[in-house]
Amino acid sequence: MKRKIYRMIIHILYTTKCPQCGKDVGYMDGFCNDCRKKLTDVKESVSIDGCEKVSAVCVYDENVKQAIYVLKNYCYNSAYAFALLMSEKLNKENETLPYDVIVPVPITKKKHKLRGYNQCELMAEELSAMTLIPKDFKSVVKSRETTDQKELSAKERQSNLNGAFEVRNKSALKGKNILVIDDISTTGATLREMCRCLHSAEVKSVSAIVCCKTEKMGEVKID
């Protein structure tokens, strides 16, 4: 209820917009109906080493690129819009109850300071409120800077992330079923490294849900 009132107040001050086309929408809406219909839904799960299940909401294409851009550049309604789609997908797959905690993919302190926020944390905040699954923003950290993944090959992406994540509070996650949140997955390198990191804390299981996947995700093999 508090979140609903908060969104209503923000809507009065700054009209809520569709993150893809910028059209005015209701204060509890994410994507407008037209943009939602254009999204290419992902029905299959993707296999990632160490991950029990990886779900993606939609394919990364021209129909969602603007929404991802504003998510990374802080559009108020973008994190909510994607979290709403994630919640719908988890409910459809009956996957909300098995998870004990939501863990967003972390960014370094330096990057957080420059950007002012972590978009995965914003989505995790919204998804936690929708599903009542607790969130944990402190136990896993990104302990070193890495090269921008989009400039690298599949093998380079994995090497670039090796050892980049660290569990600082293993006791908080030990024995729990973890749901990792990320925005886009291309080769699965980020999720693969998150899984390796989390399993070092003796978690019970790791699953993941992402906003978008590239069309080739799951076909890229890393030796």
Protein backbone atom coordinates (compact mmCIF):
# COMPACT_ATOMS: atom_id res chain seq x y z
CA MET A 1 0.00 0.00 0.00
CA LYS A 2 2.83 2.42 0.90
CA ARG A 3 4.47 1.79 -2.47
CA LYS A 4 1.18 2.42 -4.27
CA ILE A 5 0.72 5.74 -2.47
CA TYR A 6 4.33 6.65 -3.22
CA ARG A 7 3.87 5.96 -6.93
CA MET A 8 0.64 7.96 -6.94
CA ILE A 9 2.41 10.98 -5.44
CA ILE A 10 5.31 10.72 -7.90
CA HIS A 11 2.80 10.38 -10.74
CA ILE A 12 1.12 13.64 -9.68
CA LEU A 13 4.48 15.42 -9.63
CA TYR A 14 6.04 13.72 -12.67
CA THR A 15 3.62 11.87 -14.95
CA THR A 16 4.57 8.18 -15.24
CA LYS A 17 5.93 7.28 -18.68
CA CYS A 18 6.34 4.08 -20.69
CA PRO A 19 10.12 3.43 -20.63
CA GLN A 20 10.18 2.43 -24.31
CA CYS A 21 8.12 5.11 -26.12
CA GLY A 22 7.69 7.78 -23.44
CA LYS A 23 3.88 7.78 -23.65
CA ASP A 24 1.96 8.69 -20.47
CA VAL A 25 0.75 5.62 -18.56
CA GLY A 26 -1.08 4.99 -15.29
CA TYR A 27 0.86 5.28 -12.05
CA MET A 28 0.80 1.48 -11.52
CA ASP A 29 1.66 0.69 -15.16
CA GLY A 30 4.98 -0.28 -16.70
CA PHE A 31 5.10 -0.51 -20.48
CA CYS A 32 2.16 0.93 -22.40
CA ASN A 33 -0.09 -1.63 -24.11
CA ASP A 34 1.36 -0.96 -27.58
CA CYS A 35 4.97 -1.41 -26.48
CA ARG A 36 4.15 -4.46 -24.36
CA LYS A 37 2.63 -6.18 -27.40
CA LYS A 38 5.80 -5.58 -29.41
CA LEU A 39 8.13 -7.24 -26.90
CA THR A 40 9.38 -10.66 -28.03
CA ASP A 41 8.64 -12.90 -25.04
CA VAL A 42 11.12 -15.66 -24.19
CA LYS A 43 9.44 -18.97 -23.50
CA GLU A 44 12.48 -21.22 -23.08
CA SER A 45 14.98 -21.23 -20.22
CA VAL A 46 18.71 -20.98 -20.87
CA SER A 47 21.39 -23.31 -19.54
CA ILE A 48 24.20 -21.70 -17.51
CA ASP A 49 26.81 -23.68 -15.56
CA GLY A 50 26.00 -23.66 -11.86
CA CYS A 51 22.57 -22.12 -12.37
CA GLU A 52 19.52 -24.24 -11.68
CA LYS A 53 17.35 -22.12 -13.98
CA VAL A 54 17.80 -18.97 -16.05
CA SER A 55 14.70 -17.12 -17.24
CA ALA A 56 14.63 -14.09 -19.53
CA VAL A 57 11.64 -11.80 -19.97
CA CYS A 58 12.20 -10.76 -23.57
CA VAL A 59 14.63 -10.79 -26.49
CA TYR A 60 16.96 -7.80 -26.73
CA ASP A 61 15.89 -6.06 -29.93
CA GLU A 62 14.71 -2.68 -31.23
CA ASN A 63 11.43 -3.03 -29.34
CA VAL A 64 13.15 -2.88 -25.94
CA LYS A 65 16.47 -1.07 -26.54
CA GLN A 66 15.19 2.34 -25.46
CA ALA A 67 13.76 0.91 -22.24
CA ILE A 68 17.13 -0.68 -21.42
CA TYR A 69 18.89 2.60 -22.25
CA VAL A 70 16.72 4.60 -19.85
CA LEU A 71 17.07 1.85 -17.22
CA LYS A 72 20.84 2.39 -17.32
CA ASN A 73 20.37 6.18 -17.32
CA TYR A 74 17.74 6.32 -14.59
CA CYS A 75 14.21 6.65 -15.87
CA TYR A 76 11.94 6.46 -12.80
CA ASN A 77 9.51 3.92 -14.27
CA SER A 78 11.94 1.63 -16.12
CA ALA A 79 13.03 -0.53 -13.14
CA TYR A 80 9.40 -0.92 -12.08
CA ALA A 81 8.31 -1.84 -15.63
CA PHE A 82 10.91 -4.60 -15.94
CA ALA A 83 10.28 -5.87 -12.40
CA LEU A 84 6.58 -6.09 -13.23
CA LEU A 85 7.37 -8.31 -16.23
CA MET A 86 9.72 -10.43 -14.10
CA SER A 87 7.03 -10.86 -11.45
CA GLU A 88 4.48 -11.90 -14.08
CA LYS A 89 6.92 -14.43 -15.53
CA LEU A 90 7.80 -15.91 -12.13
CA ASN A 91 4.11 -16.21 -11.24
CA LYS A 92 3.35 -17.84 -14.58
CA GLU A 93 6.13 -20.36 -13.97
CA ASN A 94 5.12 -20.78 -10.30
CA GLU A 95 8.67 -19.80 -9.38
CA THR A 96 8.11 -17.17 -6.67
CA LEU A 97 7.87 -19.42 -3.62
CA PRO A 98 11.13 -21.43 -3.93
CA TYR A 99 13.38 -18.38 -3.48
CA ASP A 100 14.65 -17.22 -0.12
CA VAL A 101 16.44 -14.07 -1.24
CA ILE A 102 16.91 -11.83 -4.30
CA VAL A 103 20.50 -10.82 -5.08
CA PRO A 104 21.12 -8.22 -7.81
CA VAL A 105 24.33 -8.34 -9.86
CA PRO A 106 26.54 -5.82 -8.03
CA ILE A 107 28.67 -3.00 -9.44
CA THR A 108 31.84 -1.54 -7.93
CA LYS A 109 31.70 1.30 -5.42
CA LYS A 110 33.45 3.53 -7.95
CA LYS A 111 30.86 2.87 -10.64
CA HIS A 112 28.02 3.28 -8.16
CA LYS A 113 29.42 6.65 -7.14
CA LEU A 114 29.73 7.80 -10.77
CA ARG A 115 26.28 6.57 -11.85
CA GLY A 116 24.51 7.19 -8.57
CA TYR A 117 22.71 3.85 -8.51
CA ASN A 118 22.80 0.19 -9.59
CA GLN A 119 19.93 -0.55 -12.00
CA CYS A 120 19.84 -4.19 -10.87
CA GLU A 121 19.29 -3.06 -7.28
CA LEU A 122 16.42 -0.83 -8.41
CA MET A 123 14.75 -3.79 -10.12
CA ALA A 124 15.42 -6.05 -7.13
CA GLU A 125 13.82 -3.47 -4.85
CA GLU A 126 10.68 -3.42 -6.99
CA LEU A 127 10.54 -7.20 -7.47
CA SER A 128 10.99 -7.79 -3.74
CA ALA A 129 8.04 -5.50 -3.01
CA MET A 130 5.89 -7.33 -5.59
CA THR A 131 6.78 -10.90 -4.57
CA LEU A 132 7.62 -10.40 -0.88
CA ILE A 133 10.91 -12.26 -1.45
CA PRO A 134 13.55 -10.58 0.76
CA LYS A 135 16.40 -8.75 -0.99
CA ASP A 136 20.09 -8.65 -0.10
CA PHE A 137 22.24 -5.81 -1.49
CA LYS A 138 25.23 -6.21 0.83
CA SER A 139 26.36 -9.84 0.93
CA VAL A 140 27.76 -9.97 -2.64
CA VAL A 141 30.04 -7.23 -3.96
CA LYS A 142 31.97 -6.55 -7.15
CA SER A 143 35.46 -6.23 -5.76
CA ARG A 144 37.34 -4.98 -8.84
CA GLU A 145 36.77 -2.95 -11.98
CA THR A 146 36.36 -4.83 -15.27
CA THR A 147 36.46 -3.91 -18.94
CA ASP A 148 33.11 -3.13 -20.60
CA GLN A 149 31.77 -6.54 -21.65
CA LYS A 150 30.32 -5.36 -24.98
CA GLU A 151 33.84 -4.79 -26.33
CA LEU A 152 34.93 -8.40 -25.70
CA SER A 153 34.58 -11.85 -27.25
CA ALA A 154 32.78 -14.65 -25.40
CA LYS A 155 36.00 -16.12 -24.00
CA GLU A 156 37.33 -12.66 -23.08
CA ARG A 157 34.07 -11.83 -21.28
CA GLN A 158 34.44 -14.83 -18.98
CA SER A 159 38.12 -14.14 -18.33
CA ASN A 160 37.31 -10.47 -17.69
CA LEU A 161 34.90 -11.41 -14.87
CA ASN A 162 36.87 -14.21 -13.22
CA GLY A 163 37.09 -13.42 -9.52
CA ALA A 164 35.29 -10.08 -9.92
CA PHE A 165 32.49 -10.94 -7.48
CA GLU A 166 32.94 -11.77 -3.82
CA VAL A 167 30.60 -12.95 -1.06
CA ARG A 168 31.32 -10.76 1.96
CA ASN A 169 28.70 -12.32 4.24
CA LYS A 170 28.53 -16.07 3.61
CA SER A 171 26.44 -16.81 6.70
CA ALA A 172 23.61 -14.61 5.33
CA LEU A 173 23.32 -16.76 2.19
CA LYS A 174 24.41 -20.25 3.30
CA GLY A 175 21.75 -22.89 2.65
CA LYS A 176 19.43 -20.49 0.82
CA ASN A 177 17.80 -20.56 -2.62
CA ILE A 178 19.08 -17.48 -4.43
CA LEU A 179 17.44 -15.56 -7.27
CA VAL A 180 19.95 -13.39 -9.15
CA ILE A 181 18.73 -10.37 -11.13
CA ASP A 182 20.53 -8.87 -14.15
CA ASP A 183 19.51 -6.60 -17.02
CA ILE A 184 20.95 -8.14 -20.22
CA SER A 185 22.66 -11.49 -20.78
CA THR A 186 24.66 -12.16 -23.94
CA THR A 187 27.08 -15.03 -23.32
CA GLY A 188 26.00 -15.70 -19.75
CA ALA A 189 29.47 -14.79 -18.41
CA THR A 190 28.15 -12.54 -15.64
CA LEU A 191 25.63 -15.10 -14.43
CA ARG A 192 28.19 -17.89 -14.65
CA GLU A 193 30.61 -15.97 -12.43
CA MET A 194 27.82 -14.98 -10.02
CA CYS A 195 26.89 -18.66 -9.68
CA ARG A 196 30.50 -19.66 -9.00
CA CYS A 197 30.79 -16.93 -6.39
CA LEU A 198 27.50 -17.79 -4.67
CA HIS A 199 28.17 -21.53 -4.57
CA SER A 200 31.40 -20.76 -2.70
CA ALA A 201 29.11 -19.55 0.11
CA GLU A 202 27.42 -22.96 0.23
CA VAL A 203 24.03 -21.73 -0.95
CA LYS A 204 21.38 -24.35 -1.63
CA SER A 205 20.70 -23.26 -5.21
CA VAL A 206 21.13 -20.37 -7.64
CA SER A 207 18.60 -19.35 -10.29
CA ALA A 208 18.46 -16.14 -12.30
CA ILE A 209 16.05 -13.89 -14.12
CA VAL A 210 17.12 -11.20 -16.60
CA CYS A 211 15.26 -8.42 -18.41
CA CYS A 212 16.59 -9.39 -21.83
CA LYS A 213 18.70 -11.96 -23.56
CA THR A 214 20.35 -11.71 -26.94
CA GLU A 215 19.08 -14.09 -29.59
CA LYS A 216 22.30 -16.12 -29.47
CA MET A 217 22.41 -16.52 -25.69
CA GLY A 218 22.68 -20.19 -24.83
CA GLU A 219 24.38 -20.95 -28.16
CA VAL A 220 27.69 -19.33 -27.17
CA LYS A 221 30.07 -21.94 -25.78
CA ILE A 222 33.08 -21.04 -23.64
CA ASP A 223 35.83 -23.65 -23.27
